[in-house]
Protein backbone atom coordinates (compact mmCIF):
# COMPACT_ATOMS: atom_id res chain seq x y z
CA UNK A 1 -4.20 -52.27 -38.41
CA UNK A 2 -1.48 -50.10 -36.65
CA UNK A 3 -1.54 -52.59 -33.62
CA UNK A 4 -1.12 -55.79 -35.66
CA UNK A 5 1.44 -54.00 -37.77
CA UNK A 6 3.28 -53.35 -34.64
CA UNK A 7 3.07 -56.69 -33.11
CA UNK A 8 4.50 -58.27 -36.37
CA UNK A 9 7.28 -55.43 -36.26
CA UNK A 10 8.10 -56.36 -32.76
CA UNK A 11 8.41 -60.16 -33.50
CA UNK A 12 10.54 -59.62 -36.57
CA UNK A 13 12.69 -57.38 -34.67
CA UNK A 14 13.39 -59.97 -31.89
CA UNK A 15 14.30 -62.54 -34.61
CA UNK A 16 16.48 -59.93 -36.51
CA UNK A 17 18.56 -59.74 -33.17
CA UNK A 18 18.68 -63.30 -32.87
CA UNK A 19 20.03 -63.62 -36.42
CA UNK A 20 22.77 -61.22 -35.55
CA UNK A 21 23.93 -62.70 -32.31
CA UNK A 22 26.56 -65.47 -33.63
CA UNK A 23 27.12 -66.59 -29.87
CA UNK A 24 23.50 -67.37 -29.26
CA UNK A 25 23.32 -69.16 -32.68
CA UNK A 26 26.53 -71.08 -31.67
CA UNK A 27 24.68 -72.11 -28.57
CA UNK A 28 21.64 -73.21 -30.13
CA UNK A 29 23.98 -75.40 -32.59
CA UNK A 30 25.74 -76.90 -29.65
CA UNK A 31 22.67 -77.46 -27.59
CA UNK A 32 21.16 -79.62 -30.61
CA UNK A 33 24.40 -81.44 -30.96
CA UNK A 34 24.33 -82.33 -27.36
CA UNK A 35 20.81 -83.64 -27.97
CA UNK A 36 21.97 -85.71 -30.86
CA UNK A 37 24.66 -87.36 -29.00
CA UNK A 38 22.40 -88.27 -25.95
CA UNK A 39 19.96 -89.89 -28.41
CA UNK A 40 22.54 -91.66 -30.05
CA UNK A 41 23.99 -93.15 -26.96
CA UNK A 42 20.40 -94.38 -25.83
CA UNK A 43 19.71 -91.50 -23.43
CA UNK A 44 16.34 -89.34 -23.27
CA UNK A 45 15.19 -85.64 -23.30
CA UNK A 46 13.05 -84.44 -20.55
CA UNK A 47 11.61 -80.93 -20.78
CA UNK A 48 9.40 -79.00 -18.27
CA UNK A 49 7.98 -75.39 -18.19
CA UNK A 50 5.04 -73.20 -16.88
CA UNK A 51 1.95 -72.08 -18.48
CA UNK A 52 2.68 -71.35 -21.85
CA UNK A 53 5.93 -72.86 -21.37
CA UNK A 54 4.47 -76.03 -20.29
CA UNK A 55 2.73 -76.07 -23.80
CA UNK A 56 6.10 -75.53 -25.42
CA UNK A 57 7.54 -78.28 -23.61
CA UNK A 58 4.79 -80.60 -24.57
CA UNK A 59 5.15 -79.56 -28.35
CA UNK A 60 8.95 -79.91 -28.26
CA UNK A 61 8.56 -83.22 -26.91
CA UNK A 62 6.01 -84.20 -29.42
CA UNK A 63 8.42 -83.38 -32.19
CA UNK A 64 11.28 -85.65 -30.85
CA UNK A 65 8.60 -88.59 -30.65
CA UNK A 66 6.95 -87.64 -33.86
CA UNK A 67 9.02 -86.13 -36.52
CA UNK A 68 10.00 -82.91 -37.89
CA UNK A 69 11.34 -83.32 -41.30
CA UNK A 70 12.59 -86.90 -41.59
CA UNK A 71 10.55 -89.94 -41.59
CA UNK A 72 12.59 -91.88 -38.69
CA UNK A 73 12.23 -93.85 -35.47
CA UNK A 74 10.63 -92.11 -32.55
CA UNK A 75 13.27 -90.61 -30.24
CA UNK A 76 12.60 -90.73 -26.56
CA UNK A 77 11.40 -87.38 -25.11
CA UNK A 78 9.25 -86.87 -21.84
CA UNK A 79 7.33 -83.40 -21.16
CA UNK A 80 7.42 -83.44 -17.30
CA UNK A 81 4.29 -81.10 -17.46
CA UNK A 82 1.58 -83.74 -18.41
CA UNK A 83 1.01 -86.00 -15.44
CA UNK A 84 -1.74 -84.21 -13.39
CA UNK A 85 -1.48 -86.93 -10.56
CA UNK A 86 2.26 -86.41 -10.12
CA UNK A 87 1.90 -82.86 -10.33
CA UNK A 88 -1.03 -82.30 -7.97
CA UNK A 89 0.37 -84.87 -5.34
CA UNK A 90 3.75 -83.30 -5.56
CA UNK A 91 2.39 -79.74 -5.33
CA UNK A 92 0.24 -80.78 -2.66
CA UNK A 93 2.61 -82.77 -0.60
CA UNK A 94 6.03 -80.84 -1.11
CA UNK A 95 5.08 -77.58 -2.87
CA UNK A 96 4.78 -76.45 -6.36
CA UNK A 97 8.41 -75.58 -6.58
CA UNK A 98 9.06 -79.39 -6.31
CA UNK A 99 6.87 -80.55 -9.18
CA UNK A 100 9.79 -80.89 -11.66
CA UNK A 101 12.60 -81.70 -9.23
CA UNK A 102 10.94 -84.89 -8.00
CA UNK A 103 10.29 -85.76 -11.59
CA UNK A 104 14.14 -85.26 -12.46
CA UNK A 105 15.21 -87.43 -9.46
CA UNK A 106 12.84 -90.28 -10.32
CA UNK A 107 13.39 -90.58 -14.07
CA UNK A 108 16.62 -88.54 -14.83
CA UNK A 109 19.54 -90.38 -15.38
CA UNK A 110 23.36 -89.53 -16.00
CA UNK A 111 23.64 -88.55 -19.78
CA UNK A 112 20.04 -87.77 -20.32
CA UNK A 113 18.91 -84.03 -21.31
CA UNK A 114 16.95 -81.62 -19.58
CA UNK A 115 15.24 -78.71 -21.38
CA UNK A 116 13.90 -76.16 -18.93
CA UNK A 117 11.92 -73.21 -20.12
CA UNK A 118 11.08 -70.19 -18.48
CA UNK A 119 10.45 -66.68 -20.02
CA UNK A 120 11.44 -64.97 -16.94
CA UNK A 121 14.46 -67.15 -16.02
CA UNK A 122 13.19 -67.28 -12.34
CA UNK A 123 10.67 -69.86 -12.20
CA UNK A 124 11.56 -71.63 -8.93
CA UNK A 125 10.44 -75.18 -10.02
CA UNK A 126 12.63 -74.98 -13.14
CA UNK A 127 15.66 -73.55 -11.33
CA UNK A 128 15.19 -76.37 -8.54
CA UNK A 129 14.91 -79.06 -11.38
CA UNK A 130 18.09 -77.60 -13.10
CA UNK A 131 20.06 -78.19 -9.95
CA UNK A 132 18.69 -81.69 -9.64
CA UNK A 133 19.54 -82.38 -13.24
CA UNK A 134 23.24 -81.29 -12.81
CA UNK A 135 23.71 -83.20 -9.57
CA UNK A 136 22.52 -86.21 -11.33
CA UNK A 137 24.99 -85.67 -14.22
CA UNK A 138 22.17 -84.56 -17.11
CA UNK A 139 23.10 -82.37 -19.73
CA UNK A 140 21.15 -79.03 -19.18
CA UNK A 141 19.75 -76.75 -21.50
CA UNK A 142 17.89 -73.38 -20.53
CA UNK A 143 15.47 -71.55 -22.72
CA UNK A 144 14.74 -68.18 -21.30
CA UNK A 145 14.70 -64.45 -22.10
CA UNK A 146 17.15 -61.69 -21.81
CA UNK A 147 16.88 -60.90 -17.88
CA UNK A 148 19.52 -62.17 -15.64
CA UNK A 149 18.70 -65.73 -14.23
CA UNK A 150 20.19 -68.02 -12.05
CA UNK A 151 20.20 -70.40 -14.66
CA UNK A 152 23.41 -68.82 -16.17
CA UNK A 153 25.10 -70.86 -13.61
CA UNK A 154 23.26 -74.06 -13.95
CA UNK A 155 22.76 -74.45 -17.62
CA UNK A 156 25.30 -76.03 -20.07
CA UNK A 157 23.66 -74.24 -22.95
CA UNK A 158 21.91 -70.79 -21.95
CA UNK A 159 19.73 -69.76 -24.86
CA UNK A 160 18.49 -66.43 -23.98
CA UNK A 161 15.83 -64.79 -26.44
CA UNK A 162 16.93 -61.00 -27.08
CA UNK A 163 13.58 -59.78 -25.67
CA UNK A 164 11.88 -59.33 -22.32
CA UNK A 165 8.44 -59.48 -24.13
CA UNK A 166 6.89 -62.90 -22.81
CA UNK A 167 5.16 -63.30 -26.09
CA UNK A 168 8.26 -62.76 -28.18
CA UNK A 169 10.15 -64.78 -26.14
CA UNK A 170 7.59 -67.89 -26.53
CA UNK A 171 7.79 -67.48 -30.20
CA UNK A 172 11.36 -67.85 -30.44
CA UNK A 173 11.55 -70.85 -27.78
CA UNK A 174 9.35 -72.64 -30.27
CA UNK A 175 11.66 -71.83 -33.09
CA UNK A 176 14.64 -72.96 -30.97
CA UNK A 177 13.13 -76.42 -29.96
CA UNK A 178 12.04 -77.03 -33.55
CA UNK A 179 15.74 -76.19 -34.48
CA UNK A 180 17.20 -78.47 -32.05
CA UNK A 181 15.03 -81.48 -33.03
CA UNK A 182 15.95 -80.93 -36.62
CA UNK A 183 19.41 -80.90 -35.66
CA UNK A 184 19.29 -83.98 -33.71
CA UNK A 185 17.20 -86.09 -36.29
CA UNK A 186 19.85 -85.06 -38.93
CA UNK A 187 23.08 -85.94 -36.73
CA UNK A 188 20.89 -88.92 -35.55
CA UNK A 189 20.35 -90.35 -38.96
CA UNK A 190 22.41 -88.86 -41.48
CA UNK A 191 21.39 -91.07 -44.16
CA UNK A 192 17.97 -90.24 -43.92
CA UNK A 193 18.93 -86.50 -43.76
CA UNK A 194 20.72 -86.79 -47.16
CA UNK A 195 17.38 -88.62 -48.48
CA UNK A 196 15.43 -85.52 -47.02
CA UNK A 197 17.83 -83.13 -48.74
CA UNK A 198 17.59 -84.99 -51.81
CA UNK A 199 13.76 -85.10 -52.16
CA UNK A 200 13.52 -81.48 -51.51
């Protein structure tokens, strides 16, 4: 029981630190607005991560294509973690650090958004993908933890969870993804957002 209570307390403490960081909240808001602008202009969102962050990338992509709280048209989002043939061919022929960068080069267009997710902030394949995204003119958003990261020089929006514990970082990353999606769909369809507010 004490262990479970402590785990809950650890999670709540991270959320409280987040809530008290006005700069981080502003970054999350601006990142959501950037997603909305890209979608309004006919662009798409690309996401990538490793392990649990791969699952997070797929989860967030599904929220854009499906819906969060508003019944609206699907919004174009692709998780670069799902095509096993592309991942294994690229990993085998070029190395695992290239599994996302090749997809950014093939699928990314200027004005699209790339969301790179890495709890450590040091995943080589995410860093390379972020570099390629910047070179191609994509908007870059990094979801990571509090450790120093090269992504601070590559991301237009750096969302650093105030924790070094992987599980707590991942928990907050999903909240960030949900928030960006909610901001995007409400900004993208203000009339529908008003209807949702009225129903609630």
